[in-house]
Amino acid sequence: MTKRLYVGNLPYSTTESDIRDLFSQSGEITGVTLITDRETGRSKGFGFVEMSSEAEAEDAIRRFNGYSMNNRSLTVNVARPRDQQERSGSGGGESRRGGYDY
């Protein structure tokens, strides 16, 4: 069973190949997705790596969370489902409005 990891604080110059090279040290990679701005195509500094097993994913987290890449300390953890990320919000709007959409 594959395990999807969130990788944050990536240098903007990072390529999918760079990520594959790094994370392959922990095992088989089944997918890499770097998130880019729709309008500019520029990296947003985060992405996702899919490892082929939970054990490999745990090893990648242990090895690379806090790992320095081009003087940036990476954040690596288990990716949450997208709807959870959207609900957590970026500005805390729910708490200001009492949890209601106006």
Protein backbone atom coordinates (compact mmCIF):
# COMPACT_ATOMS: atom_id res chain seq x y z
CA MET A 1 0.00 0.00 0.00
CA THR A 2 1.42 3.39 -0.99
CA LYS A 3 1.83 6.19 1.49
CA ARG A 4 1.62 9.84 0.43
CA LEU A 5 3.94 12.34 2.09
CA TYR A 6 3.76 16.12 2.20
CA VAL A 7 7.12 17.82 1.55
CA GLY A 8 7.24 21.51 2.42
CA ASN A 9 9.71 24.40 2.50
CA LEU A 10 11.30 23.21 -0.74
CA PRO A 11 13.70 25.55 -2.54
CA TYR A 12 11.81 27.07 -5.47
CA SER A 13 14.42 25.67 -7.87
CA THR A 14 13.73 22.05 -6.83
CA THR A 15 12.77 19.65 -9.62
CA GLU A 16 10.89 16.35 -9.52
CA SER A 17 14.19 14.66 -10.33
CA ASP A 18 15.82 16.26 -7.26
CA ILE A 19 13.02 14.91 -5.06
CA ARG A 20 13.22 11.43 -6.62
CA ASP A 21 16.97 11.31 -6.07
CA LEU A 22 16.64 12.32 -2.43
CA PHE A 23 13.66 10.20 -1.41
CA SER A 24 14.84 7.10 -3.29
CA GLN A 25 17.35 6.73 -0.44
CA SER A 26 14.39 5.56 1.67
CA GLY A 27 12.83 3.19 -0.87
CA GLU A 28 10.71 2.93 -3.98
CA ILE A 29 8.91 6.08 -5.10
CA THR A 30 5.63 5.61 -6.94
CA GLY A 31 4.97 9.30 -7.63
CA VAL A 32 6.20 12.86 -7.18
CA THR A 33 4.07 15.98 -7.57
CA LEU A 34 5.46 19.49 -7.17
CA ILE A 35 2.81 22.18 -6.76
CA THR A 36 3.14 25.20 -9.05
CA ASP A 37 1.32 28.49 -9.43
CA ARG A 38 -1.31 28.21 -12.19
CA GLU A 39 -0.54 31.60 -13.69
CA THR A 40 3.25 31.77 -13.47
CA GLY A 41 4.19 28.08 -13.43
CA ARG A 42 6.60 28.88 -10.58
CA SER A 43 6.99 26.37 -7.76
CA LYS A 44 5.02 27.12 -4.60
CA GLY A 45 7.71 25.42 -2.49
CA PHE A 46 5.86 22.24 -1.60
CA GLY A 47 4.81 18.95 -3.09
CA PHE A 48 3.95 15.33 -2.47
CA VAL A 49 5.90 12.07 -2.65
CA GLU A 50 4.26 8.67 -2.79
CA MET A 51 6.32 5.86 -1.28
CA SER A 52 5.54 2.22 -2.04
CA SER A 53 5.17 1.15 1.61
CA GLU A 54 4.43 2.56 5.02
CA ALA A 55 7.83 1.46 6.33
CA GLU A 56 9.59 3.36 3.53
CA ALA A 57 7.44 6.43 4.19
CA GLU A 58 8.29 6.35 7.90
CA ASP A 59 11.98 6.08 7.03
CA ALA A 60 11.68 9.07 4.67
CA ILE A 61 9.99 11.15 7.38
CA ARG A 62 12.68 10.21 9.90
CA ARG A 63 15.50 10.99 7.45
CA PHE A 64 14.24 14.09 5.70
CA ASN A 65 12.03 16.03 8.12
CA GLY A 66 14.39 18.88 9.03
CA TYR A 67 16.85 17.91 6.27
CA SER A 68 18.67 20.94 4.83
CA MET A 69 18.26 21.36 1.07
CA ASN A 70 19.90 24.49 -0.36
CA ASN A 71 19.85 26.07 3.12
CA ARG A 72 16.13 25.34 3.63
CA SER A 73 14.95 22.94 6.31
CA LEU A 74 12.41 20.54 4.77
CA THR A 75 9.12 19.66 6.42
CA VAL A 76 8.13 16.05 5.72
CA ASN A 77 5.07 14.35 7.18
CA VAL A 78 2.13 12.16 6.22
CA ALA A 79 -0.13 14.04 3.81
CA ARG A 80 -3.67 14.71 4.99
CA PRO A 81 -6.63 14.23 2.65
CA ARG A 82 -7.30 17.36 0.61
CA ASP A 83 -10.70 18.12 2.17
CA GLN A 84 -9.09 18.18 5.65
CA GLN A 85 -6.52 20.70 4.44
CA GLU A 86 -9.21 22.92 2.95
CA ARG A 87 -11.26 22.81 6.15
CA SER A 88 -8.30 23.83 8.28
CA GLY A 89 -8.17 27.02 6.22
CA SER A 90 -5.38 29.49 5.85
CA GLY A 91 -6.87 32.39 7.74
CA GLY A 92 -8.99 30.87 10.48
CA GLY A 93 -12.16 32.30 8.93
CA GLU A 94 -14.45 29.76 10.56
CA SER A 95 -13.56 30.78 14.09
CA ARG A 96 -14.15 34.46 13.35
CA ARG A 97 -17.58 33.77 11.89
CA GLY A 98 -18.66 31.14 14.39
CA GLY A 99 -18.30 28.32 11.87
CA TYR A 100 -21.01 29.60 9.54
CA ASP A 101 -20.66 30.58 5.90
CA TYR A 102 -22.24 33.93 5.11
